[in-house]
Amino acid sequence: MSTTPSNLRPRGLDPVPLRRLAELSGAHLRGAVEFTSRQGPGSGDLAVSGIDLRAQRIEAGDLFAALPGARAHGAQFADQALERGAVAVLTDPAGANLIGDEVPLLIVDNPRSVLGDVAAEIYGRPSERLQVLGITGTSGKTTTAYMVEAGLRAAGRKVGLIGTVETRFEGDRLPASLTTPEAPELHAIFAAMLERGGDTVVMEVSSHALELGRVAGTHFAVGGFTNLSHDHLDFHETFEDYFAAKARLFDPASPTHAATAVICVDDEWGERMATIPQDRVTVSTTGAGDWTAGAVTTTPDGRQNFTITGPSGTYAATIGLPGHYNIANALLATAVCARAGVDVEAALSGIADVAVPGRVERVDGGQDFLAVVDYAHKPAALEAVIATLRAHTTGRIAVVVGAGGDRDSGKRPVMGEVGARTADLLVITDDNPRTEDASAISASVYEGALGAEPKLAQIEEIGDRAEAIEFAVAWAQPGDVVLVAGKGHEAGQEINGVKYPFDDREVLGSAIARKIGEAR
């Protein structure tokens, strides 16, 4: 496995006959007999050695998955895929009409519904030979996944990580484009990790992935649930729909349900989720559970020491991340590791020093105030991180935040309300406008800020994100806090379909350096 996306594949698997994939998927096979006969006597069935739904990533011997999309049908790119070496195409009847009769086709009414199983078969069903641990929920997926990975590694596992920030295994890292990859890429990653000796994979599982079948064909050994709050209601019609999508990881009637579950019951949605799986344990930092946390103390440098009590006893735990929600994340991670069969004390030794890119990440340029970058882009997450920082300072708090375009518009005014109610300075700025008018997004956030009750913050609106960060840094006095929220680990800002280089950590660091330089 390398850091090149197209090479996140196994290299030692035998090709799979196209006829077998047709039988598995219930697809109509068109053109394969004629194609095979032209290969000459003894050629046998046409077979494929890989699969992808992006034509530009097709390799010789692949099956090209040509799916209908919002803007174009994938079949329009079949010629490019064939030029790159695709030997057949999986598509629907509409796509088949766009492709010549001479091309071998697997035709099925809803190709996305069979994509996961087809990809799993092509790559040898690797998730059945790995222990796959899936983490879902609104907030905390990334941090919990990093903690689980660290706990497993400390216990001697050879583990891969798939999530919002990156996919990584044995020193190789690949930046992520989706929280959960599409099924063809996901099963290729599983197979590549297995081929290199991996035994366990911890991955974030988004509601989109569960709803759209990205994890279809995946065998989950353990599923973990963090919490549920306002997000993604641009995709899910109602909050009930959002919950139902998450529940697919736990519902015995779902083909992608985990064999066993670990559910955090600190909120009402967790309590409800815990009633769904047949085999589960619960964790709680606020009440009763199979696993609980307590006796929390904080050291001057921000570490949190606490105890974890589970079915096998009570353990001393420590983490370097601030905030009560990170105790909940650590508790969930510990229980997931235990459910995966590793020693609890070994897991806790790994969890103790986890640092997560863009999650309460400090930017230290020698300044006399605290500067932090965090991925909080949901109202509950923003409120939680501000409360955490408030508990660790006697100074004022500046928050720089916006809201993303082409995403849930309902949370925009709530983001503004939270910032205005809990910070001392709220600087409303651009996030990733994508294809929307950035000023219209900011106006919605601003409207929510004006309606906050009580309204604590001074409110400023500065569209240019770098200028907004500069303003907050200039405002900060000794002992204050500057929080730049919303983008976290992201290294780009998407405007009108173009992603420009922009890393909050770098921009914040440069603003701090300029302030220090001007003061000398």
Protein backbone atom coordinates (compact mmCIF):
# COMPACT_ATOMS: atom_id res chain seq x y z
CA MET A 1 0.00 0.00 0.00
CA SER A 2 1.36 3.42 -0.92
CA THR A 3 0.15 6.97 -0.45
CA THR A 4 -1.23 7.05 -3.99
CA PRO A 5 -5.02 6.54 -3.98
CA SER A 6 -5.06 4.36 -7.11
CA ASN A 7 -2.57 1.99 -5.47
CA LEU A 8 -4.60 1.31 -2.33
CA ARG A 9 -5.21 -2.16 -3.68
CA PRO A 10 -4.07 -5.73 -3.16
CA ARG A 11 -1.75 -7.12 -5.81
CA GLY A 12 -1.92 -10.88 -5.30
CA LEU A 13 -5.56 -11.81 -5.84
CA ASP A 14 -6.90 -14.01 -8.65
CA PRO A 15 -9.31 -12.36 -11.11
CA VAL A 16 -13.00 -13.12 -10.58
CA PRO A 17 -15.12 -14.41 -13.49
CA LEU A 18 -17.66 -11.91 -14.71
CA ARG A 19 -20.28 -14.66 -14.74
CA ARG A 20 -19.85 -15.17 -11.01
CA LEU A 21 -20.43 -11.46 -10.40
CA ALA A 22 -23.55 -11.60 -12.57
CA GLU A 23 -24.92 -14.49 -10.52
CA LEU A 24 -24.08 -12.74 -7.25
CA SER A 25 -25.71 -9.44 -8.25
CA GLY A 26 -28.60 -10.79 -10.26
CA ALA A 27 -27.37 -8.70 -13.19
CA HIS A 28 -28.10 -9.32 -16.85
CA LEU A 29 -24.86 -10.14 -18.64
CA ARG A 30 -24.61 -8.54 -22.09
CA GLY A 31 -21.79 -8.82 -24.59
CA ALA A 32 -19.50 -11.05 -22.54
CA VAL A 33 -19.95 -14.18 -24.70
CA GLU A 34 -19.03 -12.34 -27.89
CA PHE A 35 -16.10 -10.65 -26.18
CA THR A 36 -14.79 -13.93 -24.76
CA SER A 37 -15.03 -15.74 -28.10
CA ARG A 38 -12.85 -13.07 -29.72
CA GLN A 39 -10.13 -13.80 -27.13
CA GLY A 40 -9.50 -17.15 -28.80
CA PRO A 41 -9.80 -20.81 -27.83
CA GLY A 42 -9.15 -21.70 -24.21
CA SER A 43 -9.48 -18.15 -23.00
CA GLY A 44 -12.16 -19.14 -20.47
CA ASP A 45 -14.60 -16.72 -18.87
CA LEU A 46 -13.90 -13.03 -18.93
CA ALA A 47 -12.64 -12.07 -15.45
CA VAL A 48 -11.97 -8.85 -13.56
CA SER A 49 -9.22 -8.02 -11.07
CA GLY A 50 -10.47 -4.75 -9.59
CA ILE A 51 -13.34 -2.29 -9.56
CA ASP A 52 -13.77 1.48 -9.39
CA LEU A 53 -16.51 4.00 -10.05
CA ARG A 54 -14.13 6.76 -11.14
CA ALA A 55 -12.97 6.37 -14.71
CA GLN A 56 -9.72 8.23 -14.05
CA ARG A 57 -8.69 5.62 -11.47
CA ILE A 58 -9.41 2.53 -13.54
CA GLU A 59 -6.57 0.03 -13.90
CA ALA A 60 -6.12 -2.71 -16.52
CA GLY A 61 -8.49 -5.60 -15.82
CA ASP A 62 -11.01 -3.56 -13.84
CA LEU A 63 -14.78 -3.53 -13.79
CA PHE A 64 -15.98 0.06 -14.23
CA ALA A 65 -19.03 0.88 -12.09
CA ALA A 66 -21.01 3.43 -14.11
CA LEU A 67 -23.65 4.77 -11.73
CA PRO A 68 -26.28 7.47 -12.29
CA GLY A 69 -25.29 10.73 -10.59
CA ALA A 70 -26.86 14.07 -9.73
CA ARG A 71 -25.15 15.88 -12.61
CA ALA A 72 -24.12 13.14 -15.05
CA HIS A 73 -24.37 9.42 -15.60
CA GLY A 74 -21.16 7.48 -15.06
CA ALA A 75 -21.74 5.69 -18.34
CA GLN A 76 -20.75 8.94 -20.09
CA PHE A 77 -17.20 8.20 -18.92
CA ALA A 78 -17.15 4.57 -20.04
CA ASP A 79 -14.90 5.31 -23.04
CA GLN A 80 -12.28 6.80 -20.71
CA ALA A 81 -12.52 3.77 -18.42
CA LEU A 82 -12.18 1.36 -21.35
CA GLU A 83 -9.18 3.26 -22.68
CA ARG A 84 -7.53 2.83 -19.28
CA GLY A 85 -8.07 -0.93 -19.41
CA ALA A 86 -11.53 -1.67 -18.03
CA VAL A 87 -12.74 -5.03 -19.36
CA ALA A 88 -16.42 -4.64 -18.47
CA VAL A 89 -18.96 -2.15 -17.08
CA LEU A 90 -21.51 -2.46 -14.27
CA THR A 91 -24.42 -0.10 -14.92
CA ASP A 92 -28.20 0.32 -15.09
CA PRO A 93 -30.42 0.12 -18.20
CA ALA A 94 -30.07 3.87 -18.82
CA GLY A 95 -26.30 3.56 -18.67
CA ALA A 96 -26.35 0.52 -20.96
CA ASN A 97 -28.12 2.61 -23.60
CA LEU A 98 -25.18 5.04 -23.54
CA ILE A 99 -22.58 2.30 -24.08
CA GLY A 100 -21.90 0.40 -27.29
CA ASP A 101 -23.14 -3.17 -27.77
CA GLU A 102 -19.59 -4.48 -28.14
CA VAL A 103 -18.74 -3.72 -24.49
CA PRO A 104 -19.28 -6.49 -21.87
CA LEU A 105 -21.92 -5.22 -19.45
CA LEU A 106 -23.44 -6.21 -16.11
CA ILE A 107 -26.88 -4.55 -16.14
CA VAL A 108 -28.91 -4.18 -12.95
CA ASP A 109 -31.75 -1.78 -12.15
CA ASN A 110 -29.98 -0.30 -9.11
CA PRO A 111 -26.23 -0.88 -9.46
CA ARG A 112 -25.43 0.93 -6.21
CA SER A 113 -27.46 -1.67 -4.31
CA VAL A 114 -25.09 -4.46 -5.44
CA LEU A 115 -21.87 -2.45 -5.60
CA GLY A 116 -20.65 -3.40 -2.11
CA ASP A 117 -21.19 -7.12 -2.54
CA VAL A 118 -19.61 -7.08 -6.00
CA ALA A 119 -16.56 -5.18 -4.72
CA ALA A 120 -16.24 -7.49 -1.72
CA GLU A 121 -16.31 -10.54 -4.01
CA ILE A 122 -13.70 -9.10 -6.38
CA TYR A 123 -11.32 -8.43 -3.50
CA GLY A 124 -11.83 -11.77 -1.77
CA ARG A 125 -14.24 -10.61 0.98
CA PRO A 126 -11.40 -9.23 3.12
CA SER A 127 -13.59 -7.84 5.92
CA GLU A 128 -14.52 -11.42 6.82
CA ARG A 129 -10.84 -12.14 7.51
CA LEU A 130 -10.19 -8.90 9.39
CA GLN A 131 -11.72 -7.66 12.62
CA VAL A 132 -13.50 -4.49 11.45
CA LEU A 133 -14.57 -2.04 14.14
CA GLY A 134 -16.98 0.72 13.02
CA ILE A 135 -17.58 3.98 14.90
CA THR A 136 -20.67 6.06 14.13
CA GLY A 137 -22.46 9.04 15.70
CA THR A 138 -22.59 12.79 15.11
CA SER A 139 -19.56 13.99 17.09
CA GLY A 140 -16.51 12.17 18.36
CA LYS A 141 -16.14 9.58 15.59
CA THR A 142 -12.66 10.70 14.58
CA THR A 143 -11.28 11.06 18.10
CA THR A 144 -12.76 7.74 19.19
CA ALA A 145 -11.37 5.98 16.12
CA TYR A 146 -7.88 7.37 16.80
CA MET A 147 -8.16 6.23 20.42
CA VAL A 148 -9.28 2.74 19.40
CA GLU A 149 -6.42 2.51 16.91
CA ALA A 150 -3.90 3.56 19.58
CA GLY A 151 -5.35 1.09 22.09
CA LEU A 152 -5.19 -1.77 19.60
CA ARG A 153 -1.62 -0.96 18.58
CA ALA A 154 -0.54 -0.85 22.22
CA ALA A 155 -2.05 -4.30 22.64
CA GLY A 156 -0.02 -5.66 19.73
CA ARG A 157 -2.55 -5.53 16.92
CA LYS A 158 -1.53 -4.66 13.35
CA VAL A 159 -4.27 -2.14 12.70
CA GLY A 160 -5.46 0.13 9.91
CA LEU A 161 -7.44 3.36 10.30
CA ILE A 162 -10.04 4.73 7.87
CA GLY A 163 -11.71 8.04 8.63
CA THR A 164 -12.39 11.72 8.11
CA VAL A 165 -8.77 12.85 8.34
CA GLU A 166 -6.92 10.03 6.62
CA THR A 167 -6.55 6.37 5.84
CA ARG A 168 -3.37 4.95 7.33
CA PHE A 169 -1.63 1.64 7.86
CA GLU A 170 1.90 0.78 8.95
CA GLY A 171 3.27 4.27 8.32
CA ASP A 172 1.47 4.93 5.03
CA ARG A 173 -0.99 7.82 5.03
CA LEU A 174 -3.59 8.94 2.52
CA PRO A 175 -5.69 12.11 3.01
CA ALA A 176 -9.41 11.35 3.04
CA SER A 177 -11.99 12.78 0.64
CA LEU A 178 -14.97 11.14 2.37
CA THR A 179 -15.44 10.08 5.98
CA THR A 180 -16.23 6.59 4.67
CA PRO A 181 -14.90 5.67 1.19
CA GLU A 182 -17.16 4.37 -1.55
CA ALA A 183 -17.55 0.58 -1.50
CA PRO A 184 -15.04 -0.28 -4.28
CA GLU A 185 -12.28 1.73 -2.62
CA LEU A 186 -13.22 0.51 0.85
CA HIS A 187 -12.95 -3.18 -0.01
CA ALA A 188 -9.71 -2.56 -1.92
CA ILE A 189 -8.28 -0.88 1.19
CA PHE A 190 -9.38 -3.80 3.36
CA ALA A 191 -7.73 -6.25 0.98
CA ALA A 192 -4.51 -4.22 0.77
CA MET A 193 -4.26 -4.05 4.56
CA LEU A 194 -4.95 -7.78 4.85
CA GLU A 195 -2.36 -8.57 2.18
CA ARG A 196 0.23 -6.65 4.20
CA GLY A 197 -0.48 -8.56 7.37
CA GLY A 198 -3.16 -6.41 8.97
CA ASP A 199 -5.51 -8.09 11.40
CA THR A 200 -7.79 -5.23 12.53
CA VAL A 201 -9.34 -2.13 10.97
CA VAL A 202 -11.02 0.71 12.87
CA MET A 203 -13.13 3.00 10.72
CA GLU A 204 -15.54 5.89 10.95
CA VAL A 205 -18.96 5.08 9.53
CA SER A 206 -20.99 8.08 8.41
CA SER A 207 -24.77 8.18 8.08
CA HIS A 208 -24.30 8.85 4.36
CA ALA A 209 -22.24 5.67 4.06
CA LEU A 210 -24.90 3.61 5.82
CA GLU A 211 -27.73 5.14 3.79
CA LEU A 212 -25.98 4.97 0.40
CA GLY A 213 -24.52 1.49 0.80
CA ARG A 214 -20.85 2.47 0.95
CA VAL A 215 -20.28 -0.13 3.66
CA ALA A 216 -22.36 -2.84 1.94
CA GLY A 217 -20.52 -6.14 1.91
CA THR A 218 -18.57 -5.20 5.05
CA HIS A 219 -18.57 -7.57 8.02
CA PHE A 220 -18.40 -5.48 11.20
CA ALA A 221 -17.17 -7.30 14.30
CA VAL A 222 -17.91 -4.37 16.63
CA GLY A 223 -19.97 -1.20 16.17
CA GLY A 224 -19.55 1.81 18.43
CA PHE A 225 -22.03 4.71 18.88
CA THR A 226 -20.96 8.12 20.25
CA ASN A 227 -24.00 10.45 20.26
CA LEU A 228 -26.53 12.16 18.02
CA SER A 229 -27.15 15.88 17.49
CA HIS A 230 -28.18 18.35 14.75
CA ASP A 231 -26.34 17.64 11.50
CA HIS A 232 -26.85 16.42 7.93
CA LEU A 233 -30.52 17.40 7.75
CA ASP A 234 -29.83 18.53 4.20
CA PHE A 235 -29.41 14.84 3.35
CA HIS A 236 -31.76 13.16 5.82
CA GLU A 237 -35.29 14.56 5.63
CA THR A 238 -35.91 14.34 9.37
CA PHE A 239 -33.99 13.66 12.56
CA GLU A 240 -35.76 10.30 12.71
CA ASP A 241 -34.33 9.47 9.30
CA TYR A 242 -30.88 10.48 10.54
CA PHE A 243 -31.24 8.19 13.55
CA ALA A 244 -32.51 5.34 11.37
CA ALA A 245 -29.46 5.64 9.11
CA LYS A 246 -27.13 5.34 12.10
CA ALA A 247 -29.16 2.40 13.42
CA ARG A 248 -28.27 0.37 10.32
CA LEU A 249 -24.95 -0.42 12.03
CA PHE A 250 -26.81 -2.00 14.98
CA ASP A 251 -30.16 -3.32 13.76
CA PRO A 252 -30.11 -7.14 13.40
CA ALA A 253 -32.36 -6.74 10.34
CA SER A 254 -29.69 -4.66 8.58
CA PRO A 255 -27.19 -6.54 6.36
CA THR A 256 -24.42 -4.27 7.67
CA HIS A 257 -25.14 -4.64 11.40
CA ALA A 258 -22.19 -5.30 13.69
CA ALA A 259 -21.90 -8.64 15.46
CA THR A 260 -21.67 -6.81 18.78
CA ALA A 261 -22.22 -3.20 19.79
CA VAL A 262 -20.88 -0.63 22.26
CA ILE A 263 -23.35 2.22 22.80
CA CYS A 264 -22.77 5.48 24.70
CA VAL A 265 -26.00 6.25 26.53
CA ASP A 266 -25.12 9.77 27.70
CA ASP A 267 -27.94 11.18 25.53
CA GLU A 268 -31.50 10.08 24.83
CA TRP A 269 -30.57 8.90 21.35
CA GLY A 270 -27.92 6.60 22.77
CA GLU A 271 -30.44 5.18 25.23
CA ARG A 272 -32.77 4.50 22.34
CA MET A 273 -29.99 3.05 20.17
CA ALA A 274 -29.08 0.65 22.97
CA THR A 275 -32.50 -1.03 22.64
CA ILE A 276 -31.80 -2.09 19.03
CA PRO A 277 -28.83 -4.52 18.95
CA GLN A 278 -29.17 -8.05 20.28
CA ASP A 279 -25.61 -8.18 21.64
CA ARG A 280 -24.37 -4.96 23.20
CA VAL A 281 -22.76 -3.23 26.16
CA THR A 282 -23.41 0.36 27.22
CA VAL A 283 -21.02 3.09 28.37
CA SER A 284 -21.88 6.24 30.30
CA THR A 285 -20.09 9.16 31.90
CA THR A 286 -23.30 10.53 33.43
CA GLY A 287 -25.21 7.56 34.81
CA ALA A 288 -25.55 3.80 34.73
CA GLY A 289 -23.84 1.64 32.14
CA ASP A 290 -21.82 -1.53 31.74
CA TRP A 291 -18.79 0.76 31.53
CA THR A 292 -18.62 4.04 33.48
CA ALA A 293 -16.10 6.81 34.11
CA GLY A 294 -15.62 8.91 37.24
CA ALA A 295 -13.24 10.60 39.69
CA VAL A 296 -12.09 13.09 37.04
CA THR A 297 -9.21 15.43 37.86
CA THR A 298 -7.36 17.84 35.60
CA THR A 299 -3.65 18.59 35.76
CA PRO A 300 -2.20 22.08 35.17
CA ASP A 301 -1.06 21.08 31.68
CA GLY A 302 -4.60 20.05 30.71
CA ARG A 303 -4.39 16.26 31.07
CA GLN A 304 -7.44 14.51 32.47
CA ASN A 305 -7.07 11.67 34.97
CA PHE A 306 -10.08 9.51 35.76
CA THR A 307 -11.20 5.98 36.52
CA ILE A 308 -12.95 3.53 34.23
CA THR A 309 -15.06 0.77 35.69
CA GLY A 310 -16.15 -2.14 33.51
CA PRO A 311 -17.19 -5.76 33.79
CA SER A 312 -13.61 -6.82 34.51
CA GLY A 313 -12.75 -4.21 37.16
CA THR A 314 -11.71 -0.60 37.72
CA TYR A 315 -8.76 0.98 35.90
CA ALA A 316 -6.82 4.24 36.14
CA ALA A 317 -7.04 6.21 32.90
CA THR A 318 -5.52 9.40 31.54
CA ILE A 319 -5.84 11.38 28.30
CA GLY A 320 -4.10 14.46 27.01
CA LEU A 321 -7.24 15.90 25.41
CA PRO A 322 -9.45 18.33 27.35
CA GLY A 323 -13.22 18.22 27.74
CA HIS A 324 -15.81 15.96 29.29
CA TYR A 325 -16.77 14.73 25.81
CA ASN A 326 -13.26 13.35 25.37
CA ILE A 327 -13.69 11.29 28.53
CA ALA A 328 -16.81 9.87 26.87
CA ASN A 329 -14.79 9.19 23.71
CA ALA A 330 -12.05 7.47 25.72
CA LEU A 331 -14.58 5.38 27.63
CA LEU A 332 -16.23 4.25 24.40
CA ALA A 333 -12.84 3.49 22.84
CA THR A 334 -11.79 1.42 25.86
CA ALA A 335 -14.98 -0.64 25.75
CA VAL A 336 -14.63 -1.17 21.98
CA CYS A 337 -11.06 -2.39 22.48
CA ALA A 338 -12.22 -4.73 25.24
CA ARG A 339 -15.03 -6.03 23.03
CA ALA A 340 -12.43 -6.64 20.32
CA GLY A 341 -10.61 -8.91 22.76
CA VAL A 342 -7.59 -6.86 23.82
CA ASP A 343 -6.27 -6.25 27.33
CA VAL A 344 -7.86 -3.16 28.89
CA GLU A 345 -4.73 -1.88 30.61
CA ALA A 346 -2.74 -2.26 27.39
CA ALA A 347 -5.42 -0.35 25.48
CA LEU A 348 -5.45 2.45 28.07
CA SER A 349 -1.68 2.85 27.77
CA GLY A 350 -2.13 3.58 24.07
CA ILE A 351 -5.15 5.85 24.49
CA ALA A 352 -3.32 7.99 27.06
CA ASP A 353 -1.27 10.03 24.58
CA VAL A 354 -3.52 10.22 21.54
CA ALA A 355 -3.46 13.50 19.61
CA VAL A 356 -5.97 14.02 16.82
CA PRO A 357 -5.34 16.43 13.92
CA GLY A 358 -7.65 19.43 14.09
CA ARG A 359 -9.38 18.37 17.30
CA VAL A 360 -8.68 20.88 20.09
CA GLU A 361 -5.27 21.23 18.42
CA ARG A 362 -3.08 23.90 19.98
CA VAL A 363 -1.09 26.33 17.86
CA ASP A 364 1.82 27.57 19.91
CA GLY A 365 4.01 30.33 18.55
CA GLY A 366 5.21 31.55 21.94
CA GLN A 367 2.20 33.84 22.43
CA ASP A 368 0.73 34.74 25.82
CA PHE A 369 -2.76 33.44 24.97
CA LEU A 370 -4.13 30.03 24.01
CA ALA A 371 -4.79 29.41 20.32
CA VAL A 372 -6.78 26.34 19.27
CA VAL A 373 -8.09 24.87 16.01
CA ASP A 374 -11.06 22.51 16.18
CA TYR A 375 -13.24 20.72 13.63
CA ALA A 376 -16.47 21.69 15.46
CA HIS A 377 -18.90 22.43 12.62
CA LYS A 378 -22.11 21.42 14.38
CA PRO A 379 -23.89 23.45 17.09
CA ALA A 380 -23.51 20.83 19.84
CA ALA A 381 -19.84 20.30 19.06
CA LEU A 382 -19.15 24.05 19.01
CA GLU A 383 -20.88 24.55 22.34
CA ALA A 384 -18.98 21.63 23.86
CA VAL A 385 -15.55 22.84 22.79
CA ILE A 386 -16.26 26.42 23.96
CA ALA A 387 -17.42 25.09 27.34
CA THR A 388 -14.24 23.02 27.59
CA LEU A 389 -12.02 26.02 26.86
CA ARG A 390 -14.05 28.19 29.25
CA ALA A 391 -13.31 25.71 32.03
CA HIS A 392 -9.58 26.00 31.37
CA THR A 393 -9.21 29.78 31.30
CA THR A 394 -10.04 32.85 33.35
CA GLY A 395 -9.64 35.03 30.27
CA ARG A 396 -11.94 35.87 27.39
CA ILE A 397 -12.73 33.61 24.43
CA ALA A 398 -12.78 34.60 20.77
CA VAL A 399 -14.46 32.24 18.31
CA VAL A 400 -13.93 32.39 14.56
CA VAL A 401 -16.55 30.29 12.79
CA GLY A 402 -18.83 30.06 9.77
CA ALA A 403 -20.88 27.35 8.09
CA GLY A 404 -20.38 25.23 5.00
CA GLY A 405 -22.25 25.71 1.75
CA ASP A 406 -24.35 22.98 0.09
CA ARG A 407 -24.90 21.44 3.51
CA ASP A 408 -27.58 21.52 6.23
CA SER A 409 -28.76 25.15 6.21
CA GLY A 410 -30.86 24.69 9.35
CA LYS A 411 -27.83 24.57 11.62
CA ARG A 412 -26.41 27.91 10.39
CA PRO A 413 -28.38 30.26 12.68
CA VAL A 414 -27.88 27.82 15.55
CA MET A 415 -24.11 28.04 15.06
CA GLY A 416 -24.38 31.82 15.36
CA GLU A 417 -26.63 31.58 18.42
CA VAL A 418 -24.20 29.24 20.19
CA GLY A 419 -21.21 31.47 19.44
CA ALA A 420 -22.92 34.68 20.53
CA ARG A 421 -24.22 33.11 23.73
CA THR A 422 -21.00 31.43 24.86
CA ALA A 423 -18.02 33.44 23.51
CA ASP A 424 -16.77 36.96 24.27
CA LEU A 425 -15.97 37.68 20.62
CA LEU A 426 -17.71 35.98 17.72
CA VAL A 427 -16.15 36.52 14.30
CA ILE A 428 -18.45 35.16 11.60
CA THR A 429 -16.53 34.22 8.49
CA ASP A 430 -16.50 31.98 5.41
CA ASP A 431 -16.08 28.24 5.86
CA ASN A 432 -16.35 26.22 2.63
CA PRO A 433 -18.98 28.15 0.63
CA ARG A 434 -18.78 25.54 -2.14
CA THR A 435 -21.35 26.57 -4.77
CA GLU A 436 -23.37 28.90 -2.51
CA ASP A 437 -23.12 32.65 -2.00
CA ALA A 438 -20.81 33.04 1.01
CA SER A 439 -22.47 36.25 2.14
CA ALA A 440 -25.88 34.57 2.29
CA ILE A 441 -24.46 31.81 4.50
CA SER A 442 -22.86 34.37 6.81
CA ALA A 443 -26.11 36.33 6.97
CA SER A 444 -27.90 33.26 8.28
CA VAL A 445 -25.24 32.68 10.94
CA TYR A 446 -25.36 36.38 11.84
CA GLU A 447 -29.15 36.32 12.19
CA GLY A 448 -28.87 33.49 14.70
CA ALA A 449 -26.18 35.38 16.61
CA LEU A 450 -28.37 38.46 16.94
CA GLY A 451 -31.16 36.34 18.41
CA ALA A 452 -29.00 34.76 21.11
CA GLU A 453 -30.30 35.04 24.66
CA PRO A 454 -28.33 36.00 26.60
CA LYS A 455 -25.99 37.54 24.05
CA LEU A 456 -22.51 37.66 25.56
CA ALA A 457 -20.30 38.19 22.56
CA GLN A 458 -19.15 41.14 20.55
CA ILE A 459 -20.17 40.15 17.02
CA GLU A 460 -18.10 40.85 13.93
CA GLU A 461 -18.60 39.68 10.35
CA ILE A 462 -15.43 39.34 8.25
CA GLY A 463 -15.85 37.24 5.12
CA ASP A 464 -12.18 36.64 4.36
CA ARG A 465 -11.22 33.78 6.69
CA ALA A 466 -7.57 34.81 6.99
CA GLU A 467 -8.59 38.37 7.91
CA ALA A 468 -11.10 37.03 10.43
CA ILE A 469 -8.40 34.95 12.12
CA GLU A 470 -6.05 37.96 12.09
CA PHE A 471 -8.74 40.08 13.77
CA ALA A 472 -9.27 37.55 16.57
CA VAL A 473 -5.52 37.23 17.18
CA ALA A 474 -5.14 41.03 17.34
CA TRP A 475 -8.03 41.17 19.85
CA ALA A 476 -6.53 38.58 22.18
CA GLN A 477 -4.85 39.71 25.39
CA PRO A 478 -2.68 37.70 27.80
CA GLY A 479 -4.66 34.76 29.21
CA ASP A 480 -7.35 34.86 26.50
CA VAL A 481 -8.32 32.06 24.10
CA VAL A 482 -8.69 32.16 20.32
CA LEU A 483 -10.68 29.27 18.87
CA VAL A 484 -10.81 28.83 15.10
CA ALA A 485 -13.62 26.35 14.51
CA GLY A 486 -15.24 24.46 11.68
CA LYS A 487 -12.47 23.18 9.41
CA GLY A 488 -10.02 21.52 11.79
CA HIS A 489 -7.57 19.33 9.85
CA GLU A 490 -8.74 20.48 6.41
CA ALA A 491 -6.02 21.91 4.19
CA GLY A 492 -8.26 23.63 1.65
CA GLN A 493 -11.19 26.00 1.26
CA GLU A 494 -13.73 25.16 -1.45
CA ILE A 495 -15.19 28.13 -3.33
CA ASN A 496 -17.25 27.75 -6.53
CA GLY A 497 -15.97 24.24 -7.16
CA VAL A 498 -12.30 25.13 -6.66
CA LYS A 499 -10.37 24.04 -3.57
CA TYR A 500 -7.80 26.65 -2.60
CA PRO A 501 -4.96 25.91 -0.15
CA PHE A 502 -6.06 26.97 3.34
CA ASP A 503 -5.07 25.38 6.62
CA ASP A 504 -6.45 27.06 9.75
CA ARG A 505 -3.43 25.91 11.74
CA GLU A 506 -0.97 27.52 9.35
CA VAL A 507 -2.98 30.74 8.98
CA LEU A 508 -3.44 31.02 12.76
CA GLY A 509 0.27 30.37 13.32
CA SER A 510 1.23 33.08 10.81
CA ALA A 511 -1.13 35.59 12.44
CA ILE A 512 0.40 34.85 15.84
CA ALA A 513 3.92 35.25 14.45
CA ARG A 514 3.03 38.63 12.97
CA LYS A 515 1.51 39.83 16.24
CA ILE A 516 4.59 38.78 18.20
CA GLY A 517 6.87 40.36 15.60
CA GLU A 518 4.99 43.65 15.72
CA ALA A 519 5.21 43.71 19.52
CA ARG A 520 9.01 43.49 19.51
